[in-house]
Amino acid sequence: MVFQNTVNHIKVAKYFHLDEFQCPCCLQVILHPLLLQKLNSLRNKIGSPIVITSGYRCITYNEEVRGVKGSYHLFGMAADIYAPQISLKELLQSAEEIGFSGIGYYPENNFLHLDIRPAGPARWQG
C-alpha cells in the first residue's frame, strides 16, 4: 500500500505535488496546467502555504460528496483551498487579483473554491 500513497508524489510546480490534487477514492488525477499556474501564482503572491482540500474528483467521489453535476473538479479545472497563515478574506482578495474565473467563498467551512471556467467570471458564497 505504500506504493499507492506515493505514486503521485511528483513535484509539478514550485509549491505543489501532483498528489495534492488526486481524487481520494481512486488516486487518479487530472490537473489542468492553467489551474496549476494560477495556484502557483497565488501561493507566490501570498507568501505562505496553500492547502488543497479537494482537487480532481472522479464521478463516483463527486457524487459521494454531493458535488454539482458537471463540476469543474471532474475536469481538473478546480480546487478547494485554504491558507492556514492568512485570513480567508485576504486569500479571496488575492485570488481575485490573480484572475480565477470562478470563486466560491465558504467562510463557515474556511475554504475557497477556485476554478478556471472558460465561461467568464462567477462569484458565489456558500
N, C-alpha and C. Protein backbone atom coordinates (compact mmCIF):
# COMPACT_ATOMS: atom_id res chain seq x y z
N MET A 1 0.81 -1.20 0.00
CA MET A 1 0.00 0.00 0.00
C MET A 1 0.85 1.26 0.00
N VAL A 2 2.06 1.22 0.46
CA VAL A 2 2.92 2.40 0.47
C VAL A 2 3.09 2.94 -0.94
N PHE A 3 3.19 2.04 -1.91
CA PHE A 3 3.36 2.48 -3.30
C PHE A 3 2.18 3.34 -3.74
N GLN A 4 0.95 2.92 -3.42
CA GLN A 4 -0.22 3.69 -3.82
C GLN A 4 -0.22 5.08 -3.22
N ASN A 5 0.25 5.22 -2.02
CA ASN A 5 0.25 6.52 -1.37
C ASN A 5 1.30 7.47 -1.92
N THR A 6 2.29 6.94 -2.59
CA THR A 6 3.36 7.80 -3.10
C THR A 6 3.41 7.86 -4.62
N VAL A 7 2.53 7.14 -5.30
CA VAL A 7 2.61 7.06 -6.75
C VAL A 7 2.52 8.43 -7.43
N ASN A 8 1.74 9.34 -6.90
CA ASN A 8 1.60 10.66 -7.50
C ASN A 8 2.42 11.74 -6.79
N HIS A 9 3.33 11.34 -5.95
CA HIS A 9 4.13 12.33 -5.23
C HIS A 9 5.25 12.83 -6.16
N ILE A 10 4.83 13.65 -7.10
CA ILE A 10 5.71 14.19 -8.13
C ILE A 10 5.58 15.71 -8.08
N LYS A 11 6.68 16.39 -7.98
CA LYS A 11 6.64 17.85 -7.96
C LYS A 11 6.23 18.34 -9.35
N VAL A 12 5.16 19.13 -9.41
CA VAL A 12 4.66 19.63 -10.68
C VAL A 12 4.77 21.15 -10.81
N ALA A 13 5.11 21.81 -9.73
CA ALA A 13 5.30 23.26 -9.72
C ALA A 13 6.15 23.60 -8.51
N LYS A 14 6.54 24.85 -8.42
CA LYS A 14 7.42 25.26 -7.33
C LYS A 14 6.85 24.88 -5.97
N TYR A 15 5.54 25.01 -5.80
CA TYR A 15 4.94 24.80 -4.48
C TYR A 15 4.04 23.57 -4.37
N PHE A 16 3.84 22.82 -5.44
CA PHE A 16 2.84 21.75 -5.42
C PHE A 16 3.36 20.42 -5.95
N HIS A 17 2.77 19.36 -5.38
CA HIS A 17 2.99 17.99 -5.86
C HIS A 17 1.67 17.48 -6.44
N LEU A 18 1.77 16.59 -7.39
CA LEU A 18 0.59 16.06 -8.07
C LEU A 18 -0.39 15.40 -7.10
N ASP A 19 0.12 14.72 -6.09
CA ASP A 19 -0.78 14.01 -5.17
C ASP A 19 -1.66 14.94 -4.34
N GLU A 20 -1.35 16.21 -4.29
CA GLU A 20 -2.21 17.16 -3.58
C GLU A 20 -3.55 17.35 -4.31
N PHE A 21 -3.57 17.00 -5.59
CA PHE A 21 -4.75 17.19 -6.43
C PHE A 21 -5.50 15.89 -6.71
N GLN A 22 -4.99 14.76 -6.26
CA GLN A 22 -5.58 13.47 -6.64
C GLN A 22 -6.91 13.20 -5.93
N CYS A 23 -7.73 12.41 -6.58
CA CYS A 23 -9.01 12.00 -6.02
C CYS A 23 -8.74 11.07 -4.84
N PRO A 24 -9.33 11.33 -3.68
CA PRO A 24 -9.04 10.49 -2.51
C PRO A 24 -9.57 9.06 -2.61
N CYS A 25 -10.56 8.82 -3.48
CA CYS A 25 -11.11 7.46 -3.52
C CYS A 25 -10.37 6.55 -4.50
N CYS A 26 -9.85 7.10 -5.58
CA CYS A 26 -9.22 6.24 -6.60
C CYS A 26 -7.77 6.61 -6.90
N LEU A 27 -7.30 7.70 -6.33
CA LEU A 27 -5.94 8.22 -6.50
C LEU A 27 -5.63 8.68 -7.92
N GLN A 28 -6.66 8.75 -8.78
CA GLN A 28 -6.44 9.29 -10.12
C GLN A 28 -6.35 10.81 -10.02
N VAL A 29 -5.76 11.39 -11.04
CA VAL A 29 -5.65 12.85 -11.04
C VAL A 29 -5.66 13.38 -12.46
N ILE A 30 -6.39 14.45 -12.63
CA ILE A 30 -6.35 15.27 -13.83
C ILE A 30 -6.09 16.68 -13.32
N LEU A 31 -5.16 17.37 -13.92
CA LEU A 31 -4.81 18.71 -13.48
C LEU A 31 -4.55 19.59 -14.69
N HIS A 32 -5.41 20.57 -14.87
CA HIS A 32 -5.26 21.49 -15.99
C HIS A 32 -4.06 22.40 -15.71
N PRO A 33 -3.19 22.60 -16.68
CA PRO A 33 -1.99 23.42 -16.46
C PRO A 33 -2.29 24.86 -16.05
N LEU A 34 -3.38 25.44 -16.54
CA LEU A 34 -3.70 26.82 -16.17
C LEU A 34 -4.11 26.90 -14.69
N LEU A 35 -4.83 25.91 -14.19
CA LEU A 35 -5.18 25.90 -12.77
C LEU A 35 -3.90 25.85 -11.93
N LEU A 36 -2.99 24.97 -12.29
CA LEU A 36 -1.73 24.85 -11.57
C LEU A 36 -0.95 26.16 -11.62
N GLN A 37 -0.90 26.78 -12.78
CA GLN A 37 -0.18 28.06 -12.93
C GLN A 37 -0.78 29.14 -12.02
N LYS A 38 -2.10 29.24 -12.01
CA LYS A 38 -2.75 30.26 -11.19
C LYS A 38 -2.58 29.97 -9.70
N LEU A 39 -2.67 28.71 -9.29
CA LEU A 39 -2.46 28.38 -7.88
C LEU A 39 -1.02 28.66 -7.46
N ASN A 40 -0.08 28.37 -8.34
CA ASN A 40 1.32 28.66 -8.05
C ASN A 40 1.52 30.17 -7.91
N SER A 41 0.88 30.95 -8.78
CA SER A 41 0.96 32.42 -8.70
C SER A 41 0.33 32.92 -7.41
N LEU A 42 -0.79 32.32 -7.02
CA LEU A 42 -1.45 32.70 -5.78
C LEU A 42 -0.55 32.42 -4.58
N ARG A 43 0.05 31.24 -4.56
CA ARG A 43 0.95 30.86 -3.47
C ARG A 43 2.12 31.84 -3.39
N ASN A 44 2.66 32.19 -4.52
CA ASN A 44 3.77 33.14 -4.59
C ASN A 44 3.33 34.52 -4.07
N LYS A 45 2.13 34.94 -4.45
CA LYS A 45 1.62 36.24 -4.04
C LYS A 45 1.40 36.34 -2.54
N ILE A 46 0.81 35.31 -1.93
CA ILE A 46 0.50 35.40 -0.50
C ILE A 46 1.70 35.09 0.38
N GLY A 47 2.70 34.43 -0.17
CA GLY A 47 3.93 34.17 0.58
C GLY A 47 3.78 33.18 1.72
N SER A 48 2.76 32.33 1.65
CA SER A 48 2.58 31.30 2.68
C SER A 48 1.89 30.09 2.06
N PRO A 49 1.99 28.93 2.71
CA PRO A 49 1.46 27.70 2.13
C PRO A 49 -0.05 27.73 1.86
N ILE A 50 -0.44 26.99 0.84
CA ILE A 50 -1.83 26.77 0.47
C ILE A 50 -2.10 25.28 0.65
N VAL A 51 -3.24 24.95 1.24
CA VAL A 51 -3.65 23.56 1.40
C VAL A 51 -4.78 23.28 0.42
N ILE A 52 -4.59 22.24 -0.40
CA ILE A 52 -5.62 21.80 -1.34
C ILE A 52 -6.48 20.78 -0.60
N THR A 53 -7.75 21.10 -0.36
CA THR A 53 -8.63 20.14 0.32
C THR A 53 -9.41 19.28 -0.66
N SER A 54 -9.55 19.75 -1.89
CA SER A 54 -10.21 18.97 -2.93
C SER A 54 -9.72 19.45 -4.27
N GLY A 55 -9.15 18.54 -5.03
CA GLY A 55 -8.70 18.85 -6.39
C GLY A 55 -9.55 18.07 -7.37
N TYR A 56 -8.90 17.16 -8.10
CA TYR A 56 -9.65 16.32 -9.04
C TYR A 56 -10.59 15.40 -8.28
N ARG A 57 -11.79 15.21 -8.84
CA ARG A 57 -12.75 14.25 -8.31
C ARG A 57 -13.24 13.36 -9.44
N CYS A 58 -13.20 12.06 -9.24
CA CYS A 58 -13.83 11.16 -10.20
C CYS A 58 -15.35 11.31 -10.02
N ILE A 59 -16.11 10.78 -10.95
CA ILE A 59 -17.57 10.91 -10.89
C ILE A 59 -18.12 10.30 -9.60
N THR A 60 -17.61 9.14 -9.23
CA THR A 60 -18.09 8.47 -8.02
C THR A 60 -17.87 9.33 -6.79
N TYR A 61 -16.67 9.87 -6.63
CA TYR A 61 -16.38 10.69 -5.46
C TYR A 61 -17.17 12.00 -5.49
N ASN A 62 -17.32 12.59 -6.67
CA ASN A 62 -18.08 13.83 -6.78
C ASN A 62 -19.53 13.61 -6.31
N GLU A 63 -20.10 12.47 -6.68
CA GLU A 63 -21.46 12.15 -6.22
C GLU A 63 -21.47 11.91 -4.72
N GLU A 64 -20.44 11.24 -4.20
CA GLU A 64 -20.35 10.95 -2.77
C GLU A 64 -20.33 12.22 -1.93
N VAL A 65 -19.61 13.24 -2.39
CA VAL A 65 -19.52 14.49 -1.63
C VAL A 65 -20.61 15.49 -2.04
N ARG A 66 -21.54 15.02 -2.86
CA ARG A 66 -22.66 15.83 -3.34
C ARG A 66 -22.20 17.05 -4.13
N GLY A 67 -21.13 16.85 -4.91
CA GLY A 67 -20.67 17.92 -5.80
C GLY A 67 -21.67 18.12 -6.92
N VAL A 68 -21.66 19.29 -7.51
CA VAL A 68 -22.61 19.57 -8.58
C VAL A 68 -22.28 18.74 -9.82
N LYS A 69 -23.32 18.39 -10.56
CA LYS A 69 -23.13 17.67 -11.82
C LYS A 69 -22.38 18.58 -12.78
N GLY A 70 -21.37 18.06 -13.43
CA GLY A 70 -20.56 18.87 -14.34
C GLY A 70 -19.53 19.74 -13.64
N SER A 71 -19.27 19.47 -12.37
CA SER A 71 -18.31 20.24 -11.58
C SER A 71 -16.97 20.36 -12.31
N TYR A 72 -16.35 21.50 -12.16
CA TYR A 72 -15.02 21.69 -12.75
C TYR A 72 -13.97 20.80 -12.08
N HIS A 73 -14.26 20.29 -10.90
CA HIS A 73 -13.36 19.31 -10.26
C HIS A 73 -13.23 18.05 -11.12
N LEU A 74 -14.28 17.68 -11.84
CA LEU A 74 -14.27 16.47 -12.68
C LEU A 74 -13.29 16.57 -13.84
N PHE A 75 -12.90 17.78 -14.18
CA PHE A 75 -12.03 18.02 -15.33
C PHE A 75 -10.65 18.54 -14.93
N GLY A 76 -10.34 18.54 -13.63
CA GLY A 76 -9.06 19.04 -13.17
C GLY A 76 -8.93 20.54 -13.31
N MET A 77 -10.07 21.23 -13.30
CA MET A 77 -10.07 22.68 -13.51
C MET A 77 -10.49 23.45 -12.26
N ALA A 78 -10.54 22.77 -11.10
CA ALA A 78 -10.97 23.43 -9.86
C ALA A 78 -10.23 22.85 -8.67
N ALA A 79 -10.11 23.67 -7.65
CA ALA A 79 -9.52 23.23 -6.38
C ALA A 79 -10.20 23.99 -5.24
N ASP A 80 -10.42 23.30 -4.15
CA ASP A 80 -10.87 23.93 -2.92
C ASP A 80 -9.64 24.08 -2.04
N ILE A 81 -9.45 25.27 -1.50
CA ILE A 81 -8.21 25.57 -0.80
C ILE A 81 -8.43 26.42 0.45
N TYR A 82 -7.42 26.43 1.30
CA TYR A 82 -7.31 27.43 2.37
C TYR A 82 -5.82 27.66 2.61
N ALA A 83 -5.53 28.74 3.30
CA ALA A 83 -4.15 29.08 3.65
C ALA A 83 -4.10 29.32 5.16
N PRO A 84 -3.49 28.41 5.91
CA PRO A 84 -3.52 28.50 7.37
C PRO A 84 -2.97 29.78 7.97
N GLN A 85 -2.08 30.45 7.25
CA GLN A 85 -1.40 31.60 7.84
C GLN A 85 -2.01 32.96 7.49
N ILE A 86 -3.06 32.96 6.66
CA ILE A 86 -3.73 34.23 6.34
C ILE A 86 -5.24 34.04 6.44
N SER A 87 -5.96 35.14 6.53
CA SER A 87 -7.41 35.05 6.64
C SER A 87 -8.02 34.65 5.29
N LEU A 88 -9.21 34.10 5.36
CA LEU A 88 -9.91 33.70 4.14
C LEU A 88 -10.23 34.92 3.28
N LYS A 89 -10.51 36.04 3.91
CA LYS A 89 -10.78 37.27 3.15
C LYS A 89 -9.55 37.75 2.40
N GLU A 90 -8.38 37.64 3.04
CA GLU A 90 -7.13 38.01 2.35
C GLU A 90 -6.87 37.06 1.18
N LEU A 91 -7.12 35.79 1.40
CA LEU A 91 -6.93 34.80 0.33
C LEU A 91 -7.89 35.08 -0.83
N LEU A 92 -9.13 35.41 -0.50
CA LEU A 92 -10.12 35.76 -1.52
C LEU A 92 -9.66 36.95 -2.35
N GLN A 93 -9.19 38.00 -1.70
CA GLN A 93 -8.72 39.19 -2.40
C GLN A 93 -7.56 38.84 -3.34
N SER A 94 -6.65 38.04 -2.87
CA SER A 94 -5.51 37.65 -3.71
C SER A 94 -5.95 36.78 -4.88
N ALA A 95 -6.91 35.89 -4.66
CA ALA A 95 -7.42 35.05 -5.75
C ALA A 95 -8.10 35.90 -6.82
N GLU A 96 -8.82 36.93 -6.38
CA GLU A 96 -9.42 37.87 -7.33
C GLU A 96 -8.34 38.54 -8.17
N GLU A 97 -7.27 38.99 -7.51
CA GLU A 97 -6.19 39.67 -8.22
C GLU A 97 -5.47 38.75 -9.20
N ILE A 98 -5.36 37.47 -8.88
CA ILE A 98 -4.72 36.51 -9.78
C ILE A 98 -5.59 36.27 -11.01
N GLY A 99 -6.91 36.36 -10.86
CA GLY A 99 -7.81 36.24 -12.01
C GLY A 99 -8.46 34.88 -12.18
N PHE A 100 -8.77 34.19 -11.08
CA PHE A 100 -9.54 32.96 -11.20
C PHE A 100 -10.92 33.32 -11.74
N SER A 101 -11.44 32.55 -12.68
CA SER A 101 -12.74 32.91 -13.26
C SER A 101 -13.90 32.50 -12.38
N GLY A 102 -13.76 31.41 -11.62
CA GLY A 102 -14.80 31.00 -10.68
C GLY A 102 -14.25 31.05 -9.26
N ILE A 103 -14.96 31.75 -8.39
CA ILE A 103 -14.53 31.83 -6.98
C ILE A 103 -15.76 31.66 -6.09
N GLY A 104 -15.73 30.60 -5.30
CA GLY A 104 -16.76 30.39 -4.29
C GLY A 104 -16.16 30.64 -2.92
N TYR A 105 -16.85 31.42 -2.11
CA TYR A 105 -16.37 31.83 -0.79
C TYR A 105 -17.20 31.09 0.26
N TYR A 106 -16.54 30.26 1.07
CA TYR A 106 -17.21 29.44 2.07
C TYR A 106 -16.63 29.74 3.46
N PRO A 107 -17.02 30.88 4.05
CA PRO A 107 -16.43 31.28 5.33
C PRO A 107 -16.75 30.33 6.48
N GLU A 108 -17.93 29.70 6.48
CA GLU A 108 -18.28 28.80 7.59
C GLU A 108 -17.41 27.55 7.61
N ASN A 109 -16.93 27.14 6.43
CA ASN A 109 -16.07 25.96 6.34
C ASN A 109 -14.61 26.33 6.09
N ASN A 110 -14.32 27.64 6.04
CA ASN A 110 -12.97 28.16 5.89
C ASN A 110 -12.24 27.67 4.63
N PHE A 111 -12.90 27.79 3.47
CA PHE A 111 -12.20 27.47 2.24
C PHE A 111 -12.75 28.28 1.08
N LEU A 112 -11.95 28.35 0.02
CA LEU A 112 -12.37 28.93 -1.25
C LEU A 112 -12.42 27.83 -2.28
N HIS A 113 -13.41 27.89 -3.16
CA HIS A 113 -13.41 27.08 -4.37
C HIS A 113 -12.87 28.00 -5.46
N LEU A 114 -11.84 27.55 -6.16
CA LEU A 114 -11.26 28.33 -7.26
C LEU A 114 -11.31 27.49 -8.51
N ASP A 115 -11.71 28.09 -9.63
CA ASP A 115 -11.69 27.35 -10.89
C ASP A 115 -11.32 28.25 -12.05
N ILE A 116 -11.11 27.61 -13.17
CA ILE A 116 -10.69 28.32 -14.38
C ILE A 116 -11.72 28.15 -15.49
N ARG A 117 -12.99 28.23 -15.13
CA ARG A 117 -14.08 28.07 -16.10
C ARG A 117 -13.88 29.03 -17.28
N PRO A 118 -14.16 28.56 -18.49
CA PRO A 118 -13.98 29.42 -19.65
C PRO A 118 -15.14 30.39 -19.88
N ALA A 119 -16.27 30.18 -19.21
CA ALA A 119 -17.49 30.95 -19.47
C ALA A 119 -17.56 32.27 -18.71
N GLY A 120 -16.46 32.85 -18.40
CA GLY A 120 -16.47 34.15 -17.72
C GLY A 120 -16.61 34.06 -16.23
N PRO A 121 -16.52 35.21 -15.55
CA PRO A 121 -16.47 35.21 -14.09
C PRO A 121 -17.78 34.75 -13.43
N ALA A 122 -17.59 34.02 -12.34
CA ALA A 122 -18.71 33.60 -11.49
C ALA A 122 -18.24 33.74 -10.05
N ARG A 123 -19.09 34.34 -9.22
CA ARG A 123 -18.78 34.52 -7.81
C ARG A 123 -19.98 34.09 -6.99
N TRP A 124 -19.74 33.40 -5.89
CA TRP A 124 -20.84 33.00 -5.02
C TRP A 124 -20.32 32.76 -3.61
N GLN A 125 -21.25 32.76 -2.68
CA GLN A 125 -20.91 32.46 -1.28
C GLN A 125 -21.76 31.26 -0.85
N GLY A 126 -21.08 30.31 -0.17
CA GLY A 126 -21.79 29.11 0.29
C GLY A 126 -21.88 29.03 1.78
